[in-house]
Amino acid sequence: MPETTIFLSPALATLLFIIAVIAGYRYRMVWKTEGPRWQLWVWGTLAAGCLLLVGFIPLDGG
């Protein structure tokens, strides 16, 4: 059975981290201004998803 392992390239991991930082910032801004709850869910889920991907998928060592 062939082994299929998923790796992130360093560039993709960096991009995901930047997206997570921006989404976290937007989450905080919506939270501070007591904006719509659906925006909290969108930005929070996006930030959490990106950080989980970066945290649990290994980087490609080349």
N, C-alpha and C. Protein backbone atom coordinates (compact mmCIF):
# COMPACT_ATOMS: atom_id res chain seq x y z
N MET A 1 0.86 -1.17 0.00
CA MET A 1 0.00 0.00 0.00
C MET A 1 0.91 1.24 0.00
N PRO A 2 0.70 2.16 -0.96
CA PRO A 2 1.55 3.36 -1.01
C PRO A 2 1.24 4.30 0.14
N GLU A 3 2.31 4.87 0.67
CA GLU A 3 2.16 5.81 1.77
C GLU A 3 1.99 7.22 1.22
N THR A 4 0.92 7.88 1.60
CA THR A 4 0.65 9.24 1.15
C THR A 4 0.79 10.16 2.35
N THR A 5 1.79 11.02 2.31
CA THR A 5 2.02 11.96 3.40
C THR A 5 1.87 13.36 2.85
N ILE A 6 1.17 14.18 3.61
CA ILE A 6 0.93 15.57 3.19
C ILE A 6 1.97 16.46 3.87
N PHE A 7 2.60 17.31 3.09
CA PHE A 7 3.56 18.28 3.59
C PHE A 7 3.17 19.67 3.11
N LEU A 8 3.53 20.68 3.90
CA LEU A 8 3.36 22.07 3.47
C LEU A 8 4.70 22.61 3.01
N SER A 9 4.68 23.34 1.93
CA SER A 9 5.90 24.03 1.53
C SER A 9 6.10 25.21 2.47
N PRO A 10 7.33 25.66 2.66
CA PRO A 10 7.56 26.82 3.53
C PRO A 10 6.80 28.06 3.08
N ALA A 11 6.68 28.26 1.77
CA ALA A 11 5.95 29.43 1.26
C ALA A 11 4.46 29.34 1.60
N LEU A 12 3.88 28.17 1.45
CA LEU A 12 2.46 27.99 1.76
C LEU A 12 2.21 28.13 3.26
N ALA A 13 3.11 27.60 4.08
CA ALA A 13 2.97 27.74 5.52
C ALA A 13 3.05 29.21 5.93
N THR A 14 3.94 29.96 5.31
CA THR A 14 4.06 31.39 5.59
C THR A 14 2.79 32.12 5.19
N LEU A 15 2.25 31.80 4.02
CA LEU A 15 1.02 32.42 3.55
C LEU A 15 -0.14 32.11 4.50
N LEU A 16 -0.25 30.86 4.94
CA LEU A 16 -1.32 30.49 5.87
C LEU A 16 -1.17 31.23 7.20
N PHE A 17 0.07 31.39 7.66
CA PHE A 17 0.29 32.12 8.90
C PHE A 17 -0.10 33.58 8.77
N ILE A 18 0.24 34.20 7.65
CA ILE A 18 -0.13 35.60 7.42
C ILE A 18 -1.64 35.75 7.36
N ILE A 19 -2.32 34.82 6.70
CA ILE A 19 -3.79 34.85 6.65
C ILE A 19 -4.36 34.72 8.06
N ALA A 20 -3.77 33.85 8.87
CA ALA A 20 -4.24 33.67 10.25
C ALA A 20 -4.07 34.94 11.07
N VAL A 21 -2.94 35.63 10.88
CA VAL A 21 -2.71 36.87 11.62
C VAL A 21 -3.72 37.94 11.21
N ILE A 22 -3.96 38.08 9.93
CA ILE A 22 -4.92 39.08 9.45
C ILE A 22 -6.33 38.74 9.93
N ALA A 23 -6.71 37.46 9.83
CA ALA A 23 -8.04 37.04 10.28
C ALA A 23 -8.18 37.24 11.79
N GLY A 24 -7.13 36.98 12.55
CA GLY A 24 -7.18 37.20 13.99
C GLY A 24 -7.33 38.67 14.33
N TYR A 25 -6.67 39.52 13.57
CA TYR A 25 -6.80 40.96 13.77
C TYR A 25 -8.22 41.42 13.47
N ARG A 26 -8.78 40.93 12.36
CA ARG A 26 -10.17 41.28 12.01
C ARG A 26 -11.15 40.76 13.08
N TYR A 27 -10.90 39.56 13.60
CA TYR A 27 -11.73 39.01 14.67
C TYR A 27 -11.72 39.95 15.87
N ARG A 28 -10.53 40.39 16.24
CA ARG A 28 -10.41 41.27 17.40
C ARG A 28 -11.12 42.60 17.17
N MET A 29 -11.02 43.13 15.96
CA MET A 29 -11.69 44.41 15.67
C MET A 29 -13.21 44.26 15.74
N VAL A 30 -13.74 43.19 15.20
CA VAL A 30 -15.20 42.96 15.25
C VAL A 30 -15.63 42.75 16.69
N TRP A 31 -14.83 42.04 17.47
CA TRP A 31 -15.16 41.77 18.86
C TRP A 31 -15.17 43.06 19.68
N LYS A 32 -14.16 43.91 19.48
CA LYS A 32 -14.08 45.16 20.24
C LYS A 32 -15.23 46.11 19.91
N THR A 33 -15.63 46.16 18.63
CA THR A 33 -16.72 47.05 18.23
C THR A 33 -18.09 46.42 18.41
N GLU A 34 -18.12 45.20 18.95
CA GLU A 34 -19.35 44.44 19.15
C GLU A 34 -20.15 44.34 17.85
N GLY A 35 -19.44 43.93 16.81
CA GLY A 35 -20.04 43.78 15.49
C GLY A 35 -20.90 42.53 15.41
N PRO A 36 -21.34 42.20 14.20
CA PRO A 36 -22.20 41.04 14.00
C PRO A 36 -21.52 39.73 14.39
N ARG A 37 -22.29 38.87 15.03
CA ARG A 37 -21.74 37.58 15.48
C ARG A 37 -21.25 36.71 14.33
N TRP A 38 -21.91 36.80 13.17
CA TRP A 38 -21.50 35.94 12.06
C TRP A 38 -20.09 36.30 11.60
N GLN A 39 -19.71 37.57 11.72
CA GLN A 39 -18.34 37.95 11.35
C GLN A 39 -17.33 37.38 12.33
N LEU A 40 -17.70 37.32 13.61
CA LEU A 40 -16.82 36.68 14.58
C LEU A 40 -16.56 35.23 14.22
N TRP A 41 -17.62 34.53 13.81
CA TRP A 41 -17.48 33.13 13.42
C TRP A 41 -16.62 32.98 12.17
N VAL A 42 -16.82 33.83 11.20
CA VAL A 42 -16.05 33.73 9.96
C VAL A 42 -14.57 33.96 10.22
N TRP A 43 -14.24 35.09 10.86
CA TRP A 43 -12.83 35.42 11.08
C TRP A 43 -12.18 34.46 12.07
N GLY A 44 -12.90 34.07 13.12
CA GLY A 44 -12.34 33.14 14.09
C GLY A 44 -12.09 31.77 13.52
N THR A 45 -13.02 31.28 12.73
CA THR A 45 -12.85 29.96 12.11
C THR A 45 -11.72 29.97 11.10
N LEU A 46 -11.61 31.05 10.32
CA LEU A 46 -10.52 31.15 9.35
C LEU A 46 -9.17 31.18 10.06
N ALA A 47 -9.04 31.98 11.11
CA ALA A 47 -7.78 32.06 11.85
C ALA A 47 -7.44 30.71 12.49
N ALA A 48 -8.42 30.10 13.14
CA ALA A 48 -8.16 28.82 13.80
C ALA A 48 -7.80 27.73 12.79
N GLY A 49 -8.49 27.70 11.67
CA GLY A 49 -8.20 26.69 10.65
C GLY A 49 -6.80 26.83 10.09
N CYS A 50 -6.40 28.04 9.79
CA CYS A 50 -5.04 28.27 9.27
C CYS A 50 -3.98 27.87 10.29
N LEU A 51 -4.19 28.25 11.55
CA LEU A 51 -3.21 27.90 12.58
C LEU A 51 -3.15 26.40 12.83
N LEU A 52 -4.29 25.73 12.75
CA LEU A 52 -4.29 24.28 12.90
C LEU A 52 -3.55 23.60 11.76
N LEU A 53 -3.74 24.10 10.54
CA LEU A 53 -3.01 23.54 9.40
C LEU A 53 -1.52 23.71 9.56
N VAL A 54 -1.10 24.92 9.92
CA VAL A 54 0.33 25.18 10.08
C VAL A 54 0.90 24.38 11.26
N GLY A 55 0.10 24.21 12.30
CA GLY A 55 0.58 23.54 13.49
C GLY A 55 0.67 22.02 13.37
N PHE A 56 -0.21 21.41 12.58
CA PHE A 56 -0.27 19.95 12.57
C PHE A 56 0.17 19.28 11.28
N ILE A 57 0.40 20.04 10.21
CA ILE A 57 0.91 19.45 8.97
C ILE A 57 2.39 19.81 8.88
N PRO A 58 3.26 18.81 8.75
CA PRO A 58 4.69 19.10 8.76
C PRO A 58 5.14 19.85 7.50
N LEU A 59 6.25 20.57 7.66
CA LEU A 59 6.84 21.27 6.53
C LEU A 59 7.63 20.31 5.68
N ASP A 60 7.68 20.60 4.39
CA ASP A 60 8.46 19.80 3.45
C ASP A 60 9.94 20.13 3.65
N GLY A 61 10.69 19.13 4.02
CA GLY A 61 12.12 19.33 4.28
C GLY A 61 12.96 19.43 3.03
N GLY A 62 12.38 19.18 1.89
CA GLY A 62 13.11 19.32 0.64
C GLY A 62 13.75 18.05 0.28
